[in-house]
Amino acid sequence: MSAAADTVTTAGGVPAGGVPATGALGTVRHLVAHEVRLLASIARWVARRPHGIGRGRAFSYGRGQGAMMFGFGFVSVLESVCMAVLLRNHPAVHRVVFALDVYTLLLIVGMHAASVTRPHVLDDTGDEAVLRIRRAAHVDVRVPLAAIASVRRELVTTHEKRDGRLDLAIGAQTTITLELSSPVRHFTFLGRPKDVTTIRFHADEPEALVREIRTAPEPVQELT
């Protein structure tokens, strides 16, 4: 993933030293904020307090990655045990490696917790009906229903990069495709703005979400 930092230029317009301090600090700020959200999601998961639902209706998407995240956690624990054996004669090094292993495991749990506590939200109770599409703690796109030209259930397992399209796969698949009549701004992991007119994302119950979008107060036409 590429950094979203600007390049410092001299008076003559020549790059001077690559990424500026402000860009580097911005990248670090985004990374730290993301990890804080992951750790906070663990507390929300334990307390059963989902994030950002309000008066809207929540639609989960994390069920498809539960087994994969469990696998990552198991590998992390196994690696920690192996390193404990290999470094048993180097206690200082082992303490550092063990701390990193524990933190890695927390981030893995946080990823799954964020997927559980930050579901998609369809909110048509306010002045503007909005579909909030999310993926864990790093994607949160608000799509006005008035901007949706069409919605359909569509299983896609290959996602090539293309300008104007946002793919939010879970378990390497998306199950819903939105076509927008006007672009919606999305910010990448490191804060770079990107305008999208097509969004493909996953929901555990895509039929229910598609039906709710189509019957929401803002009319949405089916793509033919």
Protein backbone atom coordinates (compact mmCIF):
# COMPACT_ATOMS: atom_id res chain seq x y z
CA MET A 1 0.00 0.00 0.00
CA SER A 2 1.48 3.34 -1.05
CA ALA A 3 1.79 6.30 1.27
CA ALA A 4 -0.40 9.31 0.66
CA ALA A 5 2.28 11.91 1.34
CA ASP A 6 3.21 14.89 -0.83
CA THR A 7 6.75 15.47 -2.04
CA VAL A 8 8.84 18.41 -0.84
CA THR A 9 10.09 20.53 -3.74
CA THR A 10 12.79 23.17 -3.95
CA ALA A 11 12.36 26.62 -5.47
CA GLY A 12 13.17 25.11 -8.87
CA GLY A 13 10.51 22.44 -8.54
CA VAL A 14 12.96 19.56 -8.00
CA PRO A 15 12.10 16.93 -5.36
CA ALA A 16 14.16 17.52 -2.23
CA GLY A 17 14.60 14.48 -0.08
CA GLY A 18 11.36 12.59 -0.79
CA VAL A 19 8.63 12.44 1.86
CA PRO A 20 8.44 15.57 4.05
CA ALA A 21 8.16 15.47 7.81
CA THR A 22 4.52 16.48 7.69
CA GLY A 23 3.74 13.62 5.31
CA ALA A 24 5.61 11.13 7.45
CA LEU A 25 3.87 12.39 10.58
CA GLY A 26 0.54 12.17 8.81
CA THR A 27 1.21 8.54 7.90
CA VAL A 28 2.20 7.71 11.47
CA ARG A 29 -0.90 9.49 12.75
CA HIS A 30 -3.15 7.40 10.48
CA LEU A 31 -1.45 4.17 11.54
CA VAL A 32 -1.67 4.97 15.25
CA ALA A 33 -5.31 6.04 14.98
CA HIS A 34 -6.15 2.80 13.18
CA GLU A 35 -4.52 0.65 15.85
CA VAL A 36 -6.27 2.60 18.61
CA ARG A 37 -9.60 1.91 16.90
CA LEU A 38 -8.75 -1.79 16.70
CA LEU A 39 -7.92 -1.99 20.41
CA ALA A 40 -11.04 0.00 21.32
CA SER A 41 -13.10 -2.44 19.25
CA ILE A 42 -12.06 -5.27 21.57
CA ALA A 43 -13.59 -3.41 24.51
CA ARG A 44 -16.74 -2.77 22.46
CA TRP A 45 -16.92 -6.42 21.50
CA VAL A 46 -16.66 -7.55 25.11
CA ALA A 47 -19.23 -4.96 26.23
CA ARG A 48 -21.53 -5.77 23.25
CA ARG A 49 -21.63 -2.12 22.24
CA PRO A 50 -21.60 -1.77 18.42
CA HIS A 51 -20.32 1.45 16.93
CA GLY A 52 -22.27 4.03 14.95
CA ILE A 53 -25.66 2.32 14.56
CA GLY A 54 -27.90 4.90 16.22
CA ARG A 55 -31.45 4.56 14.89
CA GLY A 56 -30.32 2.71 11.77
CA ARG A 57 -30.41 -1.01 10.97
CA ALA A 58 -27.20 -3.00 11.20
CA PHE A 59 -26.07 -5.63 8.69
CA SER A 60 -23.10 -7.83 9.59
CA TYR A 61 -20.32 -8.86 7.23
CA GLY A 62 -17.64 -10.46 9.45
CA ARG A 63 -19.03 -13.99 9.62
CA GLY A 64 -17.16 -15.04 6.49
CA GLN A 65 -13.75 -14.21 7.93
CA GLY A 66 -14.15 -15.73 11.40
CA ALA A 67 -12.34 -18.97 10.55
CA MET A 68 -9.53 -17.10 8.81
CA MET A 69 -8.98 -14.77 11.76
CA PHE A 70 -8.99 -17.76 14.12
CA GLY A 71 -6.32 -19.32 11.92
CA PHE A 72 -4.18 -16.19 12.10
CA GLY A 73 -4.53 -16.15 15.87
CA PHE A 74 -3.57 -19.82 16.15
CA VAL A 75 -0.47 -19.27 14.01
CA SER A 76 0.50 -16.29 16.16
CA VAL A 77 0.21 -18.31 19.38
CA LEU A 78 2.14 -21.21 17.84
CA GLU A 79 4.89 -18.85 16.69
CA SER A 80 5.12 -17.38 20.18
CA VAL A 81 5.55 -20.84 21.71
CA CYS A 82 8.26 -21.76 19.19
CA MET A 83 10.15 -18.53 19.81
CA ALA A 84 9.96 -19.13 23.56
CA VAL A 85 11.72 -22.46 23.04
CA LEU A 86 14.34 -21.05 20.67
CA LEU A 87 15.11 -18.04 22.88
CA ARG A 88 14.99 -19.78 26.25
CA ASN A 89 18.69 -18.97 26.78
CA HIS A 90 18.21 -15.31 25.82
CA PRO A 91 15.63 -13.97 28.27
CA ALA A 92 16.02 -10.29 27.34
CA VAL A 93 15.43 -10.97 23.65
CA HIS A 94 12.59 -13.35 24.49
CA ARG A 95 10.78 -10.68 26.50
CA VAL A 96 10.89 -8.29 23.54
CA VAL A 97 9.71 -10.94 21.08
CA PHE A 98 6.98 -12.09 23.46
CA ALA A 99 5.69 -8.52 23.84
CA LEU A 100 5.55 -8.16 20.05
CA ASP A 101 3.73 -11.51 19.75
CA VAL A 102 1.13 -10.46 22.32
CA TYR A 103 0.59 -7.14 20.56
CA THR A 104 0.24 -8.89 17.20
CA LEU A 105 -2.36 -11.22 18.68
CA LEU A 106 -4.24 -8.23 20.09
CA LEU A 107 -4.32 -6.62 16.63
CA ILE A 108 -5.67 -9.83 15.09
CA VAL A 109 -8.41 -10.01 17.71
CA GLY A 110 -9.01 -6.29 17.19
CA MET A 111 -9.48 -6.79 13.45
CA HIS A 112 -12.22 -9.34 14.03
CA ALA A 113 -13.74 -7.28 16.86
CA ALA A 114 -13.86 -4.22 14.61
CA SER A 115 -15.64 -6.24 11.91
CA VAL A 116 -18.22 -7.39 14.45
CA THR A 117 -18.78 -4.04 16.19
CA ARG A 118 -18.70 -1.86 13.04
CA PRO A 119 -21.38 -3.36 10.77
CA HIS A 120 -22.93 -1.82 7.69
CA VAL A 121 -25.74 0.56 8.69
CA LEU A 122 -28.81 1.59 6.73
CA ASP A 123 -30.26 4.74 8.26
CA ASP A 124 -33.36 6.25 6.66
CA THR A 125 -34.66 7.94 9.81
CA GLY A 126 -33.02 11.34 9.38
CA ASP A 127 -33.27 14.15 6.85
CA GLU A 128 -30.99 12.24 4.46
CA ALA A 129 -31.20 8.47 4.04
CA VAL A 130 -27.69 7.01 4.13
CA LEU A 131 -26.08 3.62 3.67
CA ARG A 132 -22.92 3.37 5.75
CA ILE A 133 -20.55 0.77 4.28
CA ARG A 134 -17.69 -0.34 6.49
CA ARG A 135 -14.86 -2.83 6.73
CA ALA A 136 -13.30 -3.28 10.17
CA ALA A 137 -11.77 -0.02 11.47
CA HIS A 138 -10.26 1.33 8.26
CA VAL A 139 -13.16 1.81 5.81
CA ASP A 140 -16.27 3.87 6.55
CA VAL A 141 -18.09 5.21 3.48
CA ARG A 142 -21.39 7.10 3.73
CA VAL A 143 -23.48 6.70 0.59
CA PRO A 144 -26.68 8.79 0.30
CA LEU A 145 -29.48 6.58 -0.98
CA ALA A 146 -30.34 9.33 -3.43
CA ALA A 147 -26.94 8.74 -5.08
CA ILE A 148 -27.59 5.02 -5.68
CA ALA A 149 -28.57 4.34 -9.29
CA SER A 150 -28.86 0.58 -8.84
CA VAL A 151 -28.18 -2.18 -6.35
CA ARG A 152 -27.96 -5.89 -6.95
CA ARG A 153 -26.77 -9.05 -5.30
CA GLU A 154 -23.70 -10.22 -7.16
CA LEU A 155 -21.12 -12.76 -6.00
CA VAL A 156 -17.66 -11.68 -7.15
CA THR A 157 -14.47 -13.53 -6.22
CA THR A 158 -11.92 -11.65 -8.33
CA HIS A 159 -11.32 -7.94 -7.81
CA GLU A 160 -8.99 -6.20 -10.24
CA LYS A 161 -8.13 -2.61 -9.42
CA ARG A 162 -10.01 -0.04 -11.49
CA ASP A 163 -10.42 3.71 -11.22
CA GLY A 164 -13.75 4.74 -9.76
CA ARG A 165 -14.46 1.40 -8.13
CA LEU A 166 -14.11 0.41 -4.47
CA ASP A 167 -13.87 -3.30 -3.65
CA LEU A 168 -14.38 -4.28 0.00
CA ALA A 169 -13.95 -8.04 -0.07
CA ILE A 170 -14.36 -10.28 2.96
CA GLY A 171 -12.96 -13.76 2.61
CA ALA A 172 -11.93 -12.82 -0.97
CA GLN A 173 -15.52 -12.20 -2.06
CA THR A 174 -18.11 -9.46 -2.40
CA THR A 175 -21.84 -10.13 -2.59
CA ILE A 176 -23.44 -6.72 -3.30
CA THR A 177 -22.74 -4.21 -6.06
CA LEU A 178 -23.80 -0.57 -5.92
CA GLU A 179 -23.80 1.65 -8.99
CA LEU A 180 -23.88 5.36 -8.12
CA SER A 181 -25.40 8.18 -10.13
CA SER A 182 -22.91 10.64 -8.61
CA PRO A 183 -19.46 9.96 -7.14
CA VAL A 184 -18.91 9.48 -3.43
CA ARG A 185 -15.61 10.40 -1.82
CA HIS A 186 -13.70 7.63 -0.07
CA PHE A 187 -10.49 8.05 1.92
CA THR A 188 -7.88 5.32 1.66
CA PHE A 189 -6.11 3.74 4.62
CA LEU A 190 -3.55 6.55 4.73
CA GLY A 191 -6.03 9.35 4.06
CA ARG A 192 -5.80 9.81 0.29
CA PRO A 193 -9.16 10.96 -1.20
CA LYS A 194 -10.66 8.83 -3.95
CA ASP A 195 -13.95 9.38 -5.78
CA VAL A 196 -15.86 6.19 -6.54
CA THR A 197 -18.97 5.47 -8.61
CA THR A 198 -19.09 1.68 -8.06
CA ILE A 199 -18.86 -0.05 -4.69
CA ARG A 200 -18.69 -3.82 -4.31
CA PHE A 201 -18.88 -5.09 -0.74
CA HIS A 202 -19.84 -8.13 1.34
CA ALA A 203 -22.77 -8.72 3.66
CA ASP A 204 -23.60 -11.91 5.54
CA GLU A 205 -27.22 -11.62 4.41
CA PRO A 206 -27.05 -9.81 1.06
CA GLU A 207 -30.67 -10.51 0.07
CA ALA A 208 -31.96 -8.75 3.19
CA LEU A 209 -29.73 -5.70 2.71
CA VAL A 210 -30.54 -5.37 -1.00
CA ARG A 211 -34.25 -5.61 -0.20
CA GLU A 212 -33.99 -2.96 2.50
CA ILE A 213 -32.13 -0.59 0.18
CA ARG A 214 -34.71 -1.02 -2.56
CA THR A 215 -37.62 -0.40 -0.21
CA ALA A 216 -36.02 2.55 1.59
CA PRO A 217 -37.71 5.99 1.22
CA GLU A 218 -35.26 7.05 -1.51
CA PRO A 219 -36.18 4.88 -4.55
CA VAL A 220 -33.43 2.71 -6.01
CA GLN A 221 -33.78 1.11 -9.43
CA GLU A 222 -32.58 -2.39 -10.20
CA LEU A 223 -29.80 -2.61 -12.81
CA THR A 224 -30.92 -4.33 -16.00
